[in-house]
């Protein structure tokens, strides 16, 4: 027991991180007013809450885009409401706000797989039609929510589940997405992964995430600028591990379950998602068998020693050479002008 007490004492004295700003409400009141952030207040537990007020000016709506803001903003979420207001002000195009709390959901996804065959949800609340005609019809989708229990309000989760009426089809592929999030997003590693992976697997360009953790107005302005840039230039980026891995998982799943997932199977065939099956590369497979047989010979092994790395990077050399020649041609055109 004395040994344990000594260990705990050492931890508290030498290793336990101090939090000088985590003061109680009375402590905050006793501090110098000039040292207290006027954009913060303390709740009953002593936790400081960031207060954001809309500050960005109104921007003329000169761009012909339809941006849909999907939110689950409720009473008491002033920060999120002000963030949405600022975002709509500074975005130079029309926006529509859809509050999921106002939709009469009949319930969550039942997992009945009725939509897998017909493409229609078994619920009669009209959500599948509403989703396709009111939300997915926009040029871009912006999700806005406050962090609750490491995610969002339950209506956002219900919205996610009910989107299974689209099966595993990337129906919004090519359209950008963005997020307005109120809360400690920088500490929510799992939520960050969900945000990135959803856009990657869905084939959507992630224009960014604006939060109220720091310079909220600056983050909102940057997000609006980036979203408009993505719309104007049809921005896209190569898939990362989430996108490639997720797509292949769904590809293999739908190919195996094509008898049941008929709508998904038809979509995957029409969009060439099955085209990268490694089983179809019969020529490459036989070439590798030949190379493997040759490398089994000791004399060939000795001759090929040190050359394998050059073979591996050869495709990248071609790409780099092409980029360099393109840059040189562009430079010559500029010089001629």
Protein backbone atom coordinates (compact mmCIF):
# COMPACT_ATOMS: atom_id res chain seq x y z
CA UNK A 1 0.00 0.00 0.00
CA UNK A 2 2.82 2.44 0.84
CA UNK A 3 4.51 1.56 -2.45
CA UNK A 4 1.31 2.39 -4.38
CA UNK A 5 0.89 5.68 -2.51
CA UNK A 6 4.47 6.65 -3.38
CA UNK A 7 3.87 5.89 -7.07
CA UNK A 8 0.68 7.98 -7.13
CA UNK A 9 2.48 10.84 -5.40
CA UNK A 10 5.25 10.77 -8.01
CA UNK A 11 2.70 10.83 -10.84
CA UNK A 12 0.73 13.73 -9.38
CA UNK A 13 3.82 15.77 -8.55
CA UNK A 14 5.95 15.16 -11.62
CA UNK A 15 3.92 13.80 -14.51
CA UNK A 16 0.28 14.86 -14.19
CA UNK A 17 -0.32 17.71 -16.71
CA UNK A 18 -1.47 20.92 -15.12
CA UNK A 19 -4.40 22.85 -16.61
CA UNK A 20 -4.03 26.50 -15.55
CA UNK A 21 -6.97 27.56 -17.75
CA UNK A 22 -9.36 24.91 -16.44
CA UNK A 23 -10.70 27.09 -13.64
CA UNK A 24 -14.07 27.04 -11.96
CA UNK A 25 -16.70 29.66 -12.65
CA UNK A 26 -15.81 31.65 -9.52
CA UNK A 27 -12.12 31.59 -10.46
CA UNK A 28 -12.94 33.05 -13.85
CA UNK A 29 -14.95 35.83 -12.25
CA UNK A 30 -12.07 36.71 -9.92
CA UNK A 31 -9.57 37.03 -12.77
CA UNK A 32 -8.65 40.33 -14.34
CA UNK A 33 -11.37 41.19 -16.91
CA UNK A 34 -8.69 42.12 -19.43
CA UNK A 35 -7.28 38.58 -19.19
CA UNK A 36 -10.65 36.89 -19.69
CA UNK A 37 -11.67 36.13 -23.27
CA UNK A 38 -14.95 38.02 -23.85
CA UNK A 39 -15.92 35.32 -26.35
CA UNK A 40 -16.05 32.68 -23.61
CA UNK A 41 -18.32 31.88 -20.71
CA UNK A 42 -18.22 29.27 -17.98
CA UNK A 43 -21.04 26.80 -17.36
CA UNK A 44 -22.08 25.34 -13.99
CA UNK A 45 -19.29 22.76 -14.11
CA UNK A 46 -16.60 25.36 -14.68
CA UNK A 47 -16.04 24.35 -18.31
CA UNK A 48 -15.48 27.31 -20.60
CA UNK A 49 -17.66 27.53 -23.68
CA UNK A 50 -16.65 29.43 -26.79
CA UNK A 51 -19.25 31.94 -27.95
CA UNK A 52 -19.33 32.86 -31.62
CA UNK A 53 -21.24 35.72 -33.15
CA UNK A 54 -21.82 36.16 -36.87
CA UNK A 55 -19.32 38.73 -38.19
CA UNK A 56 -18.80 38.12 -41.91
CA UNK A 57 -20.34 40.60 -44.37
CA UNK A 58 -22.99 39.74 -46.94
CA UNK A 59 -21.57 38.71 -50.33
CA UNK A 60 -23.48 39.28 -53.60
CA UNK A 61 -24.92 35.98 -54.89
CA UNK A 62 -23.32 36.11 -58.33
CA UNK A 63 -22.46 32.42 -58.77
CA UNK A 64 -25.03 30.07 -60.27
CA UNK A 65 -24.66 27.14 -57.88
CA UNK A 66 -27.08 25.39 -55.56
CA UNK A 67 -25.44 24.51 -52.23
CA UNK A 68 -27.46 22.40 -49.79
CA UNK A 69 -26.71 22.75 -46.06
CA UNK A 70 -27.83 19.64 -44.17
CA UNK A 71 -27.97 20.24 -40.43
CA UNK A 72 -29.47 18.93 -37.21
CA UNK A 73 -29.25 22.27 -35.41
CA UNK A 74 -31.52 22.44 -32.37
CA UNK A 75 -32.42 24.86 -29.59
CA UNK A 76 -29.43 26.11 -27.65
CA UNK A 77 -26.91 25.53 -30.45
CA UNK A 78 -26.15 29.23 -30.92
CA UNK A 79 -22.61 28.67 -32.18
CA UNK A 80 -23.72 26.33 -34.94
CA UNK A 81 -26.58 28.60 -35.91
CA UNK A 82 -24.25 31.60 -36.16
CA UNK A 83 -21.72 29.58 -38.16
CA UNK A 84 -24.39 28.59 -40.67
CA UNK A 85 -25.55 32.20 -40.90
CA UNK A 86 -22.01 33.45 -41.58
CA UNK A 87 -21.37 30.73 -44.14
CA UNK A 88 -24.54 31.61 -46.05
CA UNK A 89 -23.61 35.29 -45.95
CA UNK A 90 -20.11 34.92 -47.32
CA UNK A 91 -20.85 32.24 -49.94
CA UNK A 92 -21.37 33.95 -53.33
CA UNK A 93 -24.20 31.64 -54.42
CA UNK A 94 -27.63 30.54 -53.28
CA UNK A 95 -27.97 28.09 -50.40
CA UNK A 96 -30.75 25.93 -49.01
CA UNK A 97 -30.87 24.81 -45.38
CA UNK A 98 -32.43 21.44 -44.59
CA UNK A 99 -32.86 20.74 -40.89
CA UNK A 100 -33.18 17.00 -40.36
CA UNK A 101 -35.02 17.53 -37.08
CA UNK A 102 -37.96 18.82 -39.09
CA UNK A 103 -38.28 15.74 -41.31
CA UNK A 104 -40.90 13.19 -40.14
CA UNK A 105 -38.70 10.10 -40.11
CA UNK A 106 -40.77 6.93 -39.82
CA UNK A 107 -37.84 5.23 -38.10
CA UNK A 108 -34.31 4.03 -38.60
CA UNK A 109 -33.10 1.58 -41.22
CA UNK A 110 -34.59 -1.87 -40.60
CA UNK A 111 -31.97 -3.77 -42.57
CA UNK A 112 -34.76 -5.50 -44.50
CA UNK A 113 -32.84 -5.23 -47.82
CA UNK A 114 -36.02 -4.36 -49.71
CA UNK A 115 -34.17 -1.46 -51.34
CA UNK A 116 -31.40 -3.81 -52.49
CA UNK A 117 -33.74 -5.28 -55.10
CA UNK A 118 -36.19 -2.47 -55.88
CA UNK A 119 -34.15 0.62 -54.96
CA UNK A 120 -37.14 1.77 -52.87
CA UNK A 121 -37.29 2.08 -49.09
CA UNK A 122 -39.97 0.08 -47.29
CA UNK A 123 -40.91 3.14 -45.20
CA UNK A 124 -43.71 5.32 -46.57
CA UNK A 125 -42.36 8.58 -45.11
CA UNK A 126 -40.93 9.61 -48.50
CA UNK A 127 -37.35 9.99 -47.33
CA UNK A 128 -35.79 8.23 -50.33
CA UNK A 129 -37.51 10.64 -52.74
CA UNK A 130 -36.75 13.61 -50.47
CA UNK A 131 -33.08 12.59 -50.30
CA UNK A 132 -32.68 12.34 -54.06
CA UNK A 133 -34.74 15.36 -55.09
CA UNK A 134 -33.99 17.87 -52.33
CA UNK A 135 -30.52 16.99 -51.04
CA UNK A 136 -28.55 15.03 -53.61
CA UNK A 137 -29.78 17.31 -56.41
CA UNK A 138 -27.57 20.15 -55.13
CA UNK A 139 -24.23 21.04 -56.67
CA UNK A 140 -22.55 20.62 -53.27
CA UNK A 141 -23.57 19.39 -49.82
CA UNK A 142 -22.44 21.02 -46.57
CA UNK A 143 -23.04 19.11 -43.34
CA UNK A 144 -23.43 21.25 -40.21
CA UNK A 145 -23.68 19.83 -36.70
CA UNK A 146 -22.51 20.12 -33.11
CA UNK A 147 -20.46 17.28 -31.68
CA UNK A 148 -22.50 15.09 -29.31
CA UNK A 149 -21.17 11.84 -27.88
CA UNK A 150 -18.25 11.91 -30.31
CA UNK A 151 -20.52 12.31 -33.35
CA UNK A 152 -23.65 14.37 -34.02
CA UNK A 153 -27.28 14.44 -32.90
CA UNK A 154 -29.23 11.20 -33.33
CA UNK A 155 -31.13 12.63 -36.31
CA UNK A 156 -27.88 12.87 -38.27
CA UNK A 157 -27.18 9.21 -37.47
CA UNK A 158 -30.72 8.34 -38.60
CA UNK A 159 -30.11 10.27 -41.80
CA UNK A 160 -26.91 8.29 -42.39
CA UNK A 161 -28.65 4.96 -41.81
CA UNK A 162 -31.61 5.74 -44.03
CA UNK A 163 -29.28 6.56 -46.93
CA UNK A 164 -28.93 2.81 -47.38
CA UNK A 165 -31.80 3.21 -49.86
CA UNK A 166 -28.95 4.14 -52.22
CA UNK A 167 -27.26 0.85 -51.44
CA UNK A 168 -23.52 1.00 -52.14
CA UNK A 169 -23.89 3.33 -55.13
CA UNK A 170 -21.82 6.53 -55.24
CA UNK A 171 -24.72 8.61 -56.54
CA UNK A 172 -23.12 11.97 -55.63
CA UNK A 173 -19.68 11.15 -57.02
CA UNK A 174 -17.90 14.24 -58.32
CA UNK A 175 -19.76 16.79 -56.21
CA UNK A 176 -17.81 18.49 -53.39
CA UNK A 177 -18.73 18.25 -49.72
CA UNK A 178 -17.83 20.43 -46.74
CA UNK A 179 -18.46 20.52 -42.99
CA UNK A 180 -19.36 23.14 -40.38
CA UNK A 181 -18.70 21.58 -36.98
CA UNK A 182 -19.16 23.12 -33.55
CA UNK A 183 -17.09 21.43 -30.87
CA UNK A 184 -13.63 20.02 -30.16
CA UNK A 185 -13.19 18.49 -33.60
CA UNK A 186 -9.39 18.46 -33.32
CA UNK A 187 -9.66 15.96 -30.44
CA UNK A 188 -12.14 13.65 -32.18
CA UNK A 189 -9.81 11.36 -34.12
CA UNK A 190 -12.50 8.84 -35.00
CA UNK A 191 -14.83 11.56 -36.29
CA UNK A 192 -12.01 12.98 -38.42
CA UNK A 193 -11.53 9.54 -39.94
CA UNK A 194 -15.26 9.22 -40.65
CA UNK A 195 -15.40 12.63 -42.35
CA UNK A 196 -12.41 11.88 -44.58
CA UNK A 197 -13.31 8.27 -45.36
CA UNK A 198 -16.92 9.08 -46.31
CA UNK A 199 -15.82 11.60 -48.90
CA UNK A 200 -13.11 9.28 -50.22
CA UNK A 201 -15.34 6.22 -50.64
CA UNK A 202 -18.18 8.35 -52.02
CA UNK A 203 -15.96 9.95 -54.64
CA UNK A 204 -16.58 13.44 -53.26
CA UNK A 205 -14.01 16.22 -53.05
CA UNK A 206 -13.66 17.25 -49.40
CA UNK A 207 -13.49 21.06 -49.55
CA UNK A 208 -12.66 21.31 -45.85
CA UNK A 209 -13.95 21.49 -42.29
CA UNK A 210 -14.62 24.77 -40.45
CA UNK A 211 -14.89 24.64 -36.65
CA UNK A 212 -15.36 27.09 -33.79
CA UNK A 213 -12.15 26.07 -32.01
CA UNK A 214 -10.07 29.09 -33.04
CA UNK A 215 -10.47 31.75 -35.73
CA UNK A 216 -14.02 30.74 -36.59
CA UNK A 217 -14.73 33.56 -39.02
CA UNK A 218 -11.46 32.94 -40.87
CA UNK A 219 -12.16 29.21 -41.06
CA UNK A 220 -15.66 29.81 -42.46
CA UNK A 221 -14.37 32.30 -45.03
CA UNK A 222 -11.63 29.90 -46.15
CA UNK A 223 -14.13 27.05 -46.41
CA UNK A 224 -16.49 29.13 -48.54
CA UNK A 225 -13.65 30.18 -50.86
CA UNK A 226 -12.41 26.61 -51.18
CA UNK A 227 -15.89 25.26 -51.90
CA UNK A 228 -16.49 27.79 -54.68
CA UNK A 229 -13.06 26.99 -56.14
CA UNK A 230 -13.95 23.27 -56.12
CA UNK A 231 -17.26 23.95 -57.88
CA UNK A 232 -15.75 26.22 -60.52
CA UNK A 233 -12.82 23.93 -61.34
CA UNK A 234 -14.59 20.59 -60.76
CA UNK A 235 -11.84 19.76 -58.29
CA UNK A 236 -10.91 16.16 -57.59
CA UNK A 237 -7.96 14.37 -56.05
CA UNK A 238 -6.54 10.85 -56.32
CA UNK A 239 -8.06 8.38 -53.88
CA UNK A 240 -6.09 7.71 -50.71
CA UNK A 241 -6.12 4.46 -48.75
CA UNK A 242 -9.67 5.01 -47.49
CA UNK A 243 -11.01 5.52 -51.01
CA UNK A 244 -9.15 2.67 -52.68
CA UNK A 245 -9.66 0.20 -49.84
CA UNK A 246 -13.32 1.06 -49.29
CA UNK A 247 -14.15 0.88 -53.00
CA UNK A 248 -12.51 -2.53 -53.35
CA UNK A 249 -14.30 -3.88 -50.30
CA UNK A 250 -17.68 -2.82 -51.70
CA UNK A 251 -16.72 -4.00 -55.21
CA UNK A 252 -15.93 -7.52 -53.99
CA UNK A 253 -19.03 -7.56 -51.79
CA UNK A 254 -21.44 -6.52 -54.55
CA UNK A 255 -19.88 -8.90 -57.08
CA UNK A 256 -20.38 -11.77 -54.66
CA UNK A 257 -23.94 -10.70 -53.72
CA UNK A 258 -25.03 -9.58 -57.20
CA UNK A 259 -28.02 -11.91 -57.09
CA UNK A 260 -29.41 -9.93 -54.15
CA UNK A 261 -27.87 -6.47 -54.66
CA UNK A 262 -29.28 -6.10 -58.18
CA UNK A 263 -29.40 -2.29 -58.25
CA UNK A 264 -25.83 -2.03 -56.95
CA UNK A 265 -24.58 -4.67 -59.40
CA UNK A 266 -26.12 -2.83 -62.35
CA UNK A 267 -24.58 0.47 -61.18
CA UNK A 268 -21.13 -1.08 -60.73
CA UNK A 269 -21.19 -2.62 -64.22
CA UNK A 270 -22.33 0.63 -65.86
CA UNK A 271 -19.63 2.68 -64.13
CA UNK A 272 -16.73 0.27 -64.70
CA UNK A 273 -16.11 -0.44 -61.02
CA UNK A 274 -15.48 -4.11 -61.83
CA UNK A 275 -12.85 -3.28 -64.46
CA UNK A 276 -9.87 -3.36 -62.08
CA UNK A 277 -10.36 -6.95 -60.93
CA UNK A 278 -6.80 -8.40 -60.80
CA UNK A 279 -8.15 -11.73 -62.11
CA UNK A 280 -8.70 -10.08 -65.50
CA UNK A 281 -5.01 -9.17 -65.94
CA UNK A 282 -4.13 -12.59 -67.36
CA UNK A 283 -1.24 -11.24 -69.45
CA UNK A 284 0.46 -9.67 -66.43
CA UNK A 285 -0.11 -12.83 -64.37
CA UNK A 286 1.65 -15.02 -66.97
CA UNK A 287 4.49 -12.51 -67.33
CA UNK A 288 5.09 -12.61 -63.58
CA UNK A 289 5.10 -16.41 -63.65
CA UNK A 290 7.76 -16.30 -66.36
CA UNK A 291 9.84 -13.77 -64.41
CA UNK A 292 9.50 -15.89 -61.26
CA UNK A 293 10.73 -18.94 -63.13
CA UNK A 294 13.73 -17.06 -64.51
CA UNK A 295 14.66 -15.63 -61.11
CA UNK A 296 14.78 -19.17 -59.74
CA UNK A 297 17.94 -19.69 -61.83
CA UNK A 298 21.05 -18.64 -59.80
CA UNK A 299 22.81 -17.12 -62.84
CA UNK A 300 19.80 -14.90 -63.60
CA UNK A 301 19.61 -13.89 -59.94
CA UNK A 302 23.22 -12.73 -60.03
CA UNK A 303 22.68 -10.74 -63.21
CA UNK A 304 19.47 -9.08 -61.97
CA UNK A 305 20.95 -8.13 -58.59
CA UNK A 306 20.41 -4.42 -57.96
CA UNK A 307 18.23 -3.89 -61.04
CA UNK A 308 14.85 -4.62 -59.50
CA UNK A 309 14.53 -1.17 -57.92
CA UNK A 310 14.97 0.42 -61.35
CA UNK A 311 12.15 -1.70 -62.75
CA UNK A 312 9.89 -0.72 -59.87
CA UNK A 313 10.37 3.04 -60.31
CA UNK A 314 10.28 2.98 -64.13
CA UNK A 315 6.55 3.88 -64.37
CA UNK A 316 7.14 6.89 -62.11
CA UNK A 317 10.06 8.04 -64.26
CA UNK A 318 7.73 8.14 -67.26
CA UNK A 319 5.22 10.25 -65.36
CA UNK A 320 7.91 12.66 -64.13
CA UNK A 321 9.39 12.93 -67.62
CA UNK A 322 5.95 13.71 -69.02
CA UNK A 323 5.38 16.40 -66.40
CA UNK A 324 8.77 17.96 -67.11
CA UNK A 325 8.18 18.03 -70.87
CA UNK A 326 4.76 19.57 -70.31
CA UNK A 327 6.25 22.24 -68.06
CA UNK A 328 8.94 23.01 -70.63
CA UNK A 329 6.35 23.33 -73.40
CA UNK A 330 4.27 25.67 -71.26
CA UNK A 331 7.36 27.76 -70.49
CA UNK A 332 8.15 28.03 -74.20
CA UNK A 333 4.61 29.21 -74.92
CA UNK A 334 4.90 31.84 -72.21
CA UNK A 335 8.22 33.04 -73.64
CA UNK A 336 6.70 33.32 -77.11
CA UNK A 337 3.88 35.44 -75.74
